[in-house]
Amino acid sequence: MNQETFKTSVFVHKDKLYRFARRILISDDEAFDVVQEILMKLWEKRDSLIEVNNIEAYAMRMVNYECINRLRKFDIRENYKNTTQINLSIQEDQQEIKPIILNLINQLPEKQRKVMHLKDVEELEIKEIAEILEMEENAIRVNLMRARQKVREQLEVFFENEERAIYYK
């Protein structure tokens, strides 16, 4: 595989790889480092990539593994839990919904968070997600359903609290 072929078949996925890594790691810098490292590994393996059926899924899987390794190695998991917990108590008057939803998604268990990101943000098909995360398609569907249900329930609680706060003002 020459440089031009690598650019058109592998490098074009760098943004999607970055978004996925950032969803797992939260840190922009860590996500950038992971993607850079994976792209270098893929470049080193460029001649054997011809045998890979779905390069995008292969690269996403590599990002997933590298992120998990970094979480274990640097013990970011504890810091991640501390930084992503949000206070659902009544906040100031006007608040945008997107940051609230992202925080709720970040509180999901790891598998549910990954599945929801790949399906709802990256808009991948269930089959592709199953390949990336090396899970059964039914497990993907179950995790996605549970993730969406948890986010929906937490949003309902948030809005009920908002309504009460407005009512008692």
N, C-alpha and C. Protein backbone atom coordinates (compact mmCIF):
# COMPACT_ATOMS: atom_id res chain seq x y z
N MET A 1 0.85 -1.17 0.00
CA MET A 1 0.00 0.00 0.00
C MET A 1 0.90 1.24 0.00
N ASN A 2 0.69 2.09 -0.98
CA ASN A 2 1.49 3.31 -1.05
C ASN A 2 0.84 4.42 -0.22
N GLN A 3 1.51 5.56 -0.18
CA GLN A 3 1.05 6.66 0.67
C GLN A 3 -0.31 7.18 0.23
N GLU A 4 -0.53 7.29 -1.06
CA GLU A 4 -1.80 7.81 -1.56
C GLU A 4 -2.95 6.87 -1.23
N THR A 5 -2.75 5.58 -1.38
CA THR A 5 -3.77 4.59 -1.04
C THR A 5 -4.06 4.62 0.46
N PHE A 6 -3.01 4.77 1.25
CA PHE A 6 -3.18 4.85 2.70
C PHE A 6 -4.04 6.06 3.07
N LYS A 7 -3.78 7.18 2.43
CA LYS A 7 -4.56 8.39 2.70
C LYS A 7 -6.04 8.18 2.39
N THR A 8 -6.33 7.53 1.28
CA THR A 8 -7.72 7.38 0.85
C THR A 8 -8.46 6.24 1.54
N SER A 9 -7.73 5.28 2.08
CA SER A 9 -8.41 4.14 2.70
C SER A 9 -8.31 4.12 4.22
N VAL A 10 -7.32 4.77 4.80
CA VAL A 10 -7.13 4.74 6.25
C VAL A 10 -7.23 6.14 6.86
N PHE A 11 -6.44 7.05 6.35
CA PHE A 11 -6.32 8.38 6.95
C PHE A 11 -7.64 9.16 6.92
N VAL A 12 -8.52 8.83 5.98
CA VAL A 12 -9.81 9.52 5.88
C VAL A 12 -10.68 9.29 7.12
N HIS A 13 -10.38 8.28 7.91
CA HIS A 13 -11.17 7.95 9.10
C HIS A 13 -10.66 8.62 10.36
N LYS A 14 -9.63 9.46 10.25
CA LYS A 14 -8.98 10.02 11.44
C LYS A 14 -9.95 10.81 12.32
N ASP A 15 -10.86 11.56 11.73
CA ASP A 15 -11.80 12.35 12.53
C ASP A 15 -12.76 11.46 13.32
N LYS A 16 -13.25 10.43 12.67
CA LYS A 16 -14.15 9.50 13.36
C LYS A 16 -13.41 8.76 14.47
N LEU A 17 -12.17 8.38 14.21
CA LEU A 17 -11.35 7.72 15.23
C LEU A 17 -11.13 8.65 16.42
N TYR A 18 -10.88 9.91 16.13
CA TYR A 18 -10.66 10.90 17.19
C TYR A 18 -11.93 11.07 18.05
N ARG A 19 -13.07 11.22 17.39
CA ARG A 19 -14.32 11.40 18.15
C ARG A 19 -14.60 10.20 19.04
N PHE A 20 -14.33 9.02 18.53
CA PHE A 20 -14.55 7.80 19.32
C PHE A 20 -13.58 7.75 20.50
N ALA A 21 -12.32 8.05 20.26
CA ALA A 21 -11.33 8.05 21.34
C ALA A 21 -11.67 9.10 22.38
N ARG A 22 -12.12 10.25 21.93
CA ARG A 22 -12.46 11.33 22.86
C ARG A 22 -13.67 10.95 23.71
N ARG A 23 -14.61 10.25 23.12
CA ARG A 23 -15.79 9.80 23.87
C ARG A 23 -15.38 8.86 25.00
N ILE A 24 -14.38 8.04 24.75
CA ILE A 24 -13.94 7.09 25.77
C ILE A 24 -13.05 7.77 26.80
N LEU A 25 -12.12 8.58 26.34
CA LEU A 25 -11.10 9.15 27.22
C LEU A 25 -11.44 10.52 27.78
N ILE A 26 -12.38 11.23 27.16
CA ILE A 26 -12.79 12.58 27.52
C ILE A 26 -11.71 13.62 27.18
N SER A 27 -10.47 13.32 27.38
CA SER A 27 -9.39 14.28 27.15
C SER A 27 -9.08 14.42 25.66
N ASP A 28 -9.07 15.67 25.20
CA ASP A 28 -8.72 15.94 23.80
C ASP A 28 -7.31 15.48 23.48
N ASP A 29 -6.39 15.81 24.38
CA ASP A 29 -4.98 15.46 24.15
C ASP A 29 -4.76 13.96 24.11
N GLU A 30 -5.37 13.25 25.05
CA GLU A 30 -5.23 11.78 25.08
C GLU A 30 -5.83 11.18 23.81
N ALA A 31 -6.98 11.67 23.40
CA ALA A 31 -7.64 11.14 22.20
C ALA A 31 -6.76 11.39 20.97
N PHE A 32 -6.20 12.57 20.88
CA PHE A 32 -5.31 12.89 19.76
C PHE A 32 -4.10 11.95 19.76
N ASP A 33 -3.51 11.72 20.92
CA ASP A 33 -2.36 10.82 21.03
C ASP A 33 -2.71 9.41 20.59
N VAL A 34 -3.88 8.94 21.01
CA VAL A 34 -4.32 7.58 20.65
C VAL A 34 -4.46 7.47 19.14
N VAL A 35 -5.12 8.42 18.53
CA VAL A 35 -5.34 8.36 17.07
C VAL A 35 -4.00 8.43 16.34
N GLN A 36 -3.13 9.30 16.79
CA GLN A 36 -1.81 9.40 16.16
C GLN A 36 -1.06 8.07 16.27
N GLU A 37 -1.12 7.46 17.43
CA GLU A 37 -0.43 6.18 17.63
C GLU A 37 -1.03 5.09 16.75
N ILE A 38 -2.35 5.05 16.67
CA ILE A 38 -3.01 4.03 15.84
C ILE A 38 -2.69 4.24 14.37
N LEU A 39 -2.70 5.48 13.92
CA LEU A 39 -2.37 5.74 12.51
C LEU A 39 -0.92 5.34 12.21
N MET A 40 -0.04 5.56 13.15
CA MET A 40 1.36 5.12 12.94
C MET A 40 1.44 3.60 12.88
N LYS A 41 0.71 2.91 13.76
CA LYS A 41 0.71 1.44 13.72
C LYS A 41 0.13 0.94 12.40
N LEU A 42 -0.94 1.58 11.96
CA LEU A 42 -1.54 1.17 10.69
C LEU A 42 -0.59 1.44 9.52
N TRP A 43 0.15 2.53 9.57
CA TRP A 43 1.13 2.82 8.52
C TRP A 43 2.21 1.75 8.50
N GLU A 44 2.65 1.34 9.68
CA GLU A 44 3.67 0.29 9.75
C GLU A 44 3.14 -1.04 9.21
N LYS A 45 1.84 -1.28 9.35
CA LYS A 45 1.22 -2.52 8.89
C LYS A 45 0.57 -2.36 7.52
N ARG A 46 0.84 -1.27 6.82
CA ARG A 46 0.12 -0.94 5.60
C ARG A 46 0.10 -2.04 4.56
N ASP A 47 1.15 -2.82 4.47
CA ASP A 47 1.19 -3.88 3.46
C ASP A 47 0.26 -5.04 3.79
N SER A 48 0.00 -5.25 5.08
CA SER A 48 -0.89 -6.34 5.47
C SER A 48 -2.35 -5.89 5.57
N LEU A 49 -2.62 -4.60 5.42
CA LEU A 49 -3.99 -4.09 5.50
C LEU A 49 -4.85 -4.51 4.31
N ILE A 50 -4.22 -4.96 3.27
CA ILE A 50 -4.95 -5.42 2.08
C ILE A 50 -5.86 -6.60 2.45
N GLU A 51 -5.44 -7.37 3.44
CA GLU A 51 -6.21 -8.55 3.86
C GLU A 51 -7.40 -8.19 4.75
N VAL A 52 -7.46 -6.96 5.23
CA VAL A 52 -8.53 -6.54 6.13
C VAL A 52 -9.76 -6.15 5.31
N ASN A 53 -10.92 -6.74 5.66
CA ASN A 53 -12.15 -6.46 4.92
C ASN A 53 -12.67 -5.05 5.15
N ASN A 54 -12.71 -4.63 6.43
CA ASN A 54 -13.27 -3.33 6.78
C ASN A 54 -12.22 -2.56 7.58
N ILE A 55 -11.47 -1.73 6.90
CA ILE A 55 -10.36 -1.01 7.53
C ILE A 55 -10.88 -0.06 8.61
N GLU A 56 -12.02 0.56 8.36
CA GLU A 56 -12.59 1.48 9.35
C GLU A 56 -12.89 0.75 10.66
N ALA A 57 -13.57 -0.36 10.58
CA ALA A 57 -13.89 -1.14 11.78
C ALA A 57 -12.63 -1.63 12.47
N TYR A 58 -11.66 -2.04 11.67
CA TYR A 58 -10.38 -2.51 12.21
C TYR A 58 -9.68 -1.39 12.99
N ALA A 59 -9.66 -0.20 12.42
CA ALA A 59 -9.03 0.94 13.07
C ALA A 59 -9.81 1.35 14.32
N MET A 60 -11.13 1.33 14.25
CA MET A 60 -11.96 1.67 15.42
C MET A 60 -11.71 0.67 16.55
N ARG A 61 -11.58 -0.59 16.21
CA ARG A 61 -11.30 -1.61 17.21
C ARG A 61 -9.94 -1.35 17.86
N MET A 62 -8.95 -0.97 17.05
CA MET A 62 -7.62 -0.66 17.59
C MET A 62 -7.71 0.53 18.54
N VAL A 63 -8.48 1.54 18.18
CA VAL A 63 -8.66 2.71 19.05
C VAL A 63 -9.32 2.28 20.35
N ASN A 64 -10.33 1.45 20.25
CA ASN A 64 -11.03 0.97 21.44
C ASN A 64 -10.05 0.29 22.40
N TYR A 65 -9.25 -0.63 21.88
CA TYR A 65 -8.28 -1.35 22.72
C TYR A 65 -7.24 -0.42 23.32
N GLU A 66 -6.75 0.52 22.50
CA GLU A 66 -5.74 1.44 23.00
C GLU A 66 -6.31 2.33 24.11
N CYS A 67 -7.53 2.76 23.94
CA CYS A 67 -8.17 3.60 24.96
C CYS A 67 -8.35 2.81 26.26
N ILE A 68 -8.78 1.58 26.14
CA ILE A 68 -8.94 0.74 27.34
C ILE A 68 -7.60 0.56 28.03
N ASN A 69 -6.55 0.31 27.26
CA ASN A 69 -5.22 0.16 27.84
C ASN A 69 -4.78 1.43 28.55
N ARG A 70 -5.05 2.58 27.95
CA ARG A 70 -4.66 3.83 28.60
C ARG A 70 -5.46 4.07 29.87
N LEU A 71 -6.73 3.72 29.84
CA LEU A 71 -7.54 3.89 31.05
C LEU A 71 -6.99 3.04 32.18
N ARG A 72 -6.60 1.83 31.84
CA ARG A 72 -6.02 0.95 32.86
C ARG A 72 -4.66 1.46 33.32
N LYS A 73 -3.83 1.79 32.37
CA LYS A 73 -2.45 2.16 32.67
C LYS A 73 -2.37 3.43 33.52
N PHE A 74 -3.11 4.44 33.16
CA PHE A 74 -3.00 5.72 33.85
C PHE A 74 -4.05 5.90 34.95
N ASP A 75 -4.88 4.90 35.13
CA ASP A 75 -5.91 4.96 36.16
C ASP A 75 -6.78 6.21 36.00
N ILE A 76 -7.10 6.51 34.75
CA ILE A 76 -7.92 7.67 34.45
C ILE A 76 -9.37 7.41 34.85
N ARG A 77 -9.72 6.16 34.98
CA ARG A 77 -11.10 5.81 35.26
C ARG A 77 -11.65 6.55 36.48
N GLU A 78 -10.87 6.64 37.55
CA GLU A 78 -11.33 7.34 38.75
C GLU A 78 -11.50 8.82 38.48
N ASN A 79 -10.50 9.41 37.80
CA ASN A 79 -10.61 10.83 37.45
C ASN A 79 -11.80 11.08 36.53
N TYR A 80 -12.02 10.14 35.62
CA TYR A 80 -13.13 10.26 34.68
C TYR A 80 -14.46 10.28 35.43
N LYS A 81 -14.63 9.38 36.37
CA LYS A 81 -15.88 9.34 37.13
C LYS A 81 -16.09 10.64 37.88
N ASN A 82 -15.03 11.17 38.45
CA ASN A 82 -15.14 12.40 39.22
C ASN A 82 -15.47 13.60 38.34
N THR A 83 -14.88 13.66 37.15
CA THR A 83 -15.09 14.83 36.31
C THR A 83 -16.39 14.78 35.52
N THR A 84 -16.97 13.60 35.32
CA THR A 84 -18.18 13.52 34.51
C THR A 84 -19.47 13.50 35.32
N GLN A 85 -19.37 13.38 36.62
CA GLN A 85 -20.59 13.40 37.41
C GLN A 85 -21.15 14.81 37.38
N ILE A 86 -22.44 14.88 37.14
CA ILE A 86 -23.06 16.20 37.12
C ILE A 86 -24.05 16.31 38.25
N ASN A 87 -24.28 17.50 38.63
CA ASN A 87 -25.25 17.77 39.67
C ASN A 87 -26.57 18.06 39.00
N LEU A 88 -27.54 17.13 39.16
CA LEU A 88 -28.83 17.30 38.51
C LEU A 88 -29.78 18.17 39.33
N SER A 89 -29.26 18.77 40.39
CA SER A 89 -30.11 19.67 41.15
C SER A 89 -30.42 20.88 40.28
N ILE A 90 -31.32 21.67 40.71
CA ILE A 90 -31.74 22.82 39.93
C ILE A 90 -30.56 23.75 39.70
N GLN A 91 -30.38 24.07 38.43
CA GLN A 91 -29.28 24.96 38.08
C GLN A 91 -29.87 26.29 37.64
N GLU A 92 -29.05 27.20 37.26
CA GLU A 92 -29.51 28.53 36.90
C GLU A 92 -30.52 28.45 35.77
N ASP A 93 -31.28 29.52 35.60
CA ASP A 93 -32.45 29.56 34.73
C ASP A 93 -32.29 28.85 33.39
N GLN A 94 -31.55 29.44 32.48
CA GLN A 94 -31.44 28.89 31.14
C GLN A 94 -30.19 28.02 31.01
N GLN A 95 -30.40 26.78 30.63
CA GLN A 95 -29.27 25.87 30.41
C GLN A 95 -29.54 25.11 29.13
N GLU A 96 -28.54 24.94 28.34
CA GLU A 96 -28.73 24.21 27.09
C GLU A 96 -28.84 22.72 27.37
N ILE A 97 -29.62 22.04 26.58
CA ILE A 97 -29.88 20.62 26.79
C ILE A 97 -28.72 19.74 26.33
N LYS A 98 -28.01 20.13 25.29
CA LYS A 98 -26.94 19.29 24.76
C LYS A 98 -25.88 18.93 25.80
N PRO A 99 -25.34 19.89 26.56
CA PRO A 99 -24.34 19.52 27.58
C PRO A 99 -24.92 18.58 28.64
N ILE A 100 -26.18 18.76 28.95
CA ILE A 100 -26.82 17.89 29.94
C ILE A 100 -26.89 16.47 29.41
N ILE A 101 -27.31 16.33 28.17
CA ILE A 101 -27.41 14.99 27.57
C ILE A 101 -26.03 14.35 27.48
N LEU A 102 -25.03 15.12 27.06
CA LEU A 102 -23.68 14.57 26.97
C LEU A 102 -23.17 14.12 28.33
N ASN A 103 -23.47 14.87 29.36
CA ASN A 103 -23.07 14.46 30.70
C ASN A 103 -23.79 13.20 31.14
N LEU A 104 -25.06 13.10 30.79
CA LEU A 104 -25.82 11.88 31.13
C LEU A 104 -25.24 10.67 30.38
N ILE A 105 -24.88 10.88 29.14
CA ILE A 105 -24.28 9.79 28.36
C ILE A 105 -22.94 9.40 28.97
N ASN A 106 -22.17 10.38 29.40
CA ASN A 106 -20.86 10.10 30.00
C ASN A 106 -20.97 9.31 31.30
N GLN A 107 -22.11 9.36 31.95
CA GLN A 107 -22.32 8.63 33.19
C GLN A 107 -22.72 7.16 32.96
N LEU A 108 -23.02 6.83 31.72
CA LEU A 108 -23.43 5.46 31.41
C LEU A 108 -22.26 4.50 31.60
N PRO A 109 -22.58 3.22 31.83
CA PRO A 109 -21.50 2.23 31.86
C PRO A 109 -20.75 2.23 30.51
N GLU A 110 -19.52 1.79 30.55
CA GLU A 110 -18.63 1.91 29.40
C GLU A 110 -19.22 1.33 28.11
N LYS A 111 -19.74 0.12 28.16
CA LYS A 111 -20.28 -0.51 26.94
C LYS A 111 -21.45 0.29 26.39
N GLN A 112 -22.36 0.70 27.28
CA GLN A 112 -23.52 1.46 26.83
C GLN A 112 -23.10 2.80 26.23
N ARG A 113 -22.11 3.44 26.85
CA ARG A 113 -21.62 4.72 26.36
C ARG A 113 -21.02 4.56 24.96
N LYS A 114 -20.21 3.52 24.78
CA LYS A 114 -19.59 3.29 23.47
C LYS A 114 -20.64 2.99 22.41
N VAL A 115 -21.57 2.10 22.74
CA VAL A 115 -22.60 1.71 21.79
C VAL A 115 -23.44 2.92 21.39
N MET A 116 -23.83 3.72 22.38
CA MET A 116 -24.66 4.88 22.09
C MET A 116 -23.90 5.89 21.23
N HIS A 117 -22.62 6.08 21.53
CA HIS A 117 -21.82 7.01 20.72
C HIS A 117 -21.72 6.53 19.28
N LEU A 118 -21.39 5.27 19.10
CA LEU A 118 -21.21 4.75 17.74
C LEU A 118 -22.51 4.77 16.94
N LYS A 119 -23.62 4.50 17.61
CA LYS A 119 -24.91 4.47 16.91
C LYS A 119 -25.47 5.87 16.69
N ASP A 120 -25.54 6.67 17.75
CA ASP A 120 -26.25 7.94 17.68
C ASP A 120 -25.39 9.11 17.24
N VAL A 121 -24.09 9.05 17.49
CA VAL A 121 -23.22 10.15 17.07
C VAL A 121 -22.55 9.82 15.74
N GLU A 122 -21.92 8.65 15.68
CA GLU A 122 -21.23 8.26 14.44
C GLU A 122 -22.18 7.68 13.40
N GLU A 123 -23.39 7.35 13.83
CA GLU A 123 -24.44 6.82 12.95
C GLU A 123 -24.02 5.54 12.22
N LEU A 124 -23.35 4.66 12.95
CA LEU A 124 -22.96 3.38 12.38
C LEU A 124 -24.11 2.39 12.51
N GLU A 125 -24.08 1.38 11.68
CA GLU A 125 -25.08 0.32 11.73
C GLU A 125 -24.75 -0.64 12.87
N ILE A 126 -25.74 -1.35 13.35
CA ILE A 126 -25.57 -2.32 14.43
C ILE A 126 -24.49 -3.33 14.08
N LYS A 127 -24.49 -3.78 12.84
CA LYS A 127 -23.52 -4.78 12.39
C LYS A 127 -22.09 -4.23 12.50
N GLU A 128 -21.89 -2.97 12.10
CA GLU A 128 -20.57 -2.35 12.19
C GLU A 128 -20.13 -2.18 13.64
N ILE A 129 -21.07 -1.78 14.48
CA ILE A 129 -20.76 -1.60 15.91
C ILE A 129 -20.37 -2.93 16.52
N ALA A 130 -21.09 -3.98 16.17
CA ALA A 130 -20.78 -5.32 16.68
C ALA A 130 -19.37 -5.74 16.27
N GLU A 131 -19.01 -5.41 15.06
CA GLU A 131 -17.67 -5.75 14.57
C GLU A 131 -16.59 -4.95 15.30
N ILE A 132 -16.84 -3.67 15.50
CA ILE A 132 -15.87 -2.80 16.17
C ILE A 132 -15.65 -3.23 17.61
N LEU A 133 -16.75 -3.45 18.33
CA LEU A 133 -16.66 -3.77 19.76
C LEU A 133 -16.55 -5.27 20.04
N GLU A 134 -16.58 -6.05 18.96
CA GLU A 134 -16.51 -7.51 19.07
C GLU A 134 -17.57 -8.04 20.03
N MET A 135 -18.81 -7.67 19.75
CA MET A 135 -19.96 -8.11 20.53
C MET A 135 -21.01 -8.66 19.58
N GLU A 136 -21.93 -9.41 20.13
CA GLU A 136 -23.05 -9.91 19.33
C GLU A 136 -23.98 -8.74 18.99
N GLU A 137 -24.65 -8.83 17.86
CA GLU A 137 -25.57 -7.77 17.45
C GLU A 137 -26.69 -7.59 18.47
N ASN A 138 -27.20 -8.70 19.03
CA ASN A 138 -28.25 -8.58 20.04
C ASN A 138 -27.75 -7.87 21.28
N ALA A 139 -26.51 -8.10 21.67
CA ALA A 139 -25.93 -7.41 22.83
C ALA A 139 -25.82 -5.91 22.54
N ILE A 140 -25.51 -5.56 21.31
CA ILE A 140 -25.45 -4.14 20.92
C ILE A 140 -26.83 -3.52 21.07
N ARG A 141 -27.85 -4.21 20.55
CA ARG A 141 -29.22 -3.69 20.63
C ARG A 141 -29.67 -3.51 22.08
N VAL A 142 -29.36 -4.50 22.92
CA VAL A 142 -29.75 -4.43 24.33
C VAL A 142 -29.04 -3.27 25.03
N ASN A 143 -27.75 -3.14 24.81
CA ASN A 143 -27.00 -2.05 25.43
C ASN A 143 -27.49 -0.68 24.95
N LEU A 144 -27.80 -0.58 23.68
CA LEU A 144 -28.31 0.68 23.13
C LEU A 144 -29.67 1.02 23.73
N MET A 145 -30.55 0.02 23.83
CA MET A 145 -31.87 0.25 24.41
C MET A 145 -31.74 0.70 25.87
N ARG A 146 -30.90 0.03 26.63
CA ARG A 146 -30.73 0.37 28.05
C ARG A 146 -30.11 1.76 28.21
N ALA A 147 -29.14 2.08 27.36
CA ALA A 147 -28.49 3.40 27.43
C ALA A 147 -29.51 4.50 27.15
N ARG A 148 -30.27 4.34 26.09
CA ARG A 148 -31.27 5.35 25.74
C ARG A 148 -32.33 5.48 26.84
N GLN A 149 -32.72 4.35 27.39
CA GLN A 149 -33.72 4.36 28.45
C GLN A 149 -33.20 5.11 29.69
N LYS A 150 -31.95 4.85 30.07
CA LYS A 150 -31.37 5.54 31.23
C LYS A 150 -31.29 7.04 31.00
N VAL A 151 -30.84 7.44 29.83
CA VAL A 151 -30.73 8.86 29.52
C VAL A 151 -32.12 9.50 29.54
N ARG A 152 -33.10 8.82 28.95
CA ARG A 152 -34.47 9.34 28.93
C ARG A 152 -35.01 9.51 30.34
N GLU A 153 -34.82 8.49 31.19
CA GLU A 153 -35.32 8.57 32.57
C GLU A 153 -34.65 9.71 33.34
N GLN A 154 -33.36 9.86 33.17
CA GLN A 154 -32.64 10.93 33.88
C GLN A 154 -33.06 12.31 33.37
N LEU A 155 -33.35 12.42 32.09
CA LEU A 155 -33.83 13.69 31.54
C LEU A 155 -35.22 14.02 32.10
N GLU A 156 -36.06 13.00 32.22
CA GLU A 156 -37.40 13.22 32.79
C GLU A 156 -37.29 13.74 34.22
N VAL A 157 -36.40 13.16 35.01
CA VAL A 157 -36.19 13.62 36.38
C VAL A 157 -35.69 15.06 36.37
N PHE A 158 -34.75 15.35 35.49
CA PHE A 158 -34.21 16.70 35.40
C PHE A 158 -35.31 17.70 35.08
N PHE A 159 -36.14 17.39 34.08
CA PHE A 159 -37.20 18.33 33.69
C PHE A 159 -38.27 18.45 34.76
N GLU A 160 -38.57 17.37 35.47
CA GLU A 160 -39.52 17.46 36.59
C GLU A 160 -38.98 18.42 37.65
N ASN A 161 -37.70 18.31 37.96
CA ASN A 161 -37.08 19.22 38.93
C ASN A 161 -37.11 20.66 38.44
N GLU A 162 -36.88 20.85 37.15
CA GLU A 162 -36.94 22.19 36.57
C GLU A 162 -38.33 22.78 36.72
N GLU A 163 -39.36 21.97 36.43
CA GLU A 163 -40.74 22.43 36.53
C GLU A 163 -41.07 22.81 37.98
N ARG A 164 -40.65 21.98 38.92
CA ARG A 164 -40.89 22.27 40.34
C ARG A 164 -40.22 23.57 40.75
N ALA A 165 -39.00 23.76 40.28
CA ALA A 165 -38.27 24.97 40.64
C ALA A 165 -38.98 26.21 40.10
N ILE A 166 -39.48 26.13 38.88
CA ILE A 166 -40.20 27.25 38.29
C ILE A 166 -41.50 27.50 39.04
N TYR A 167 -42.17 26.43 39.40
CA TYR A 167 -43.46 26.54 40.11
C TYR A 167 -43.29 27.20 41.48
N TYR A 168 -42.21 26.87 42.19
CA TYR A 168 -42.02 27.39 43.54
C TYR A 168 -41.28 28.72 43.60
N LYS A 169 -40.91 29.27 42.46
CA LYS A 169 -40.21 30.57 42.47
C LYS A 169 -41.15 31.69 42.79
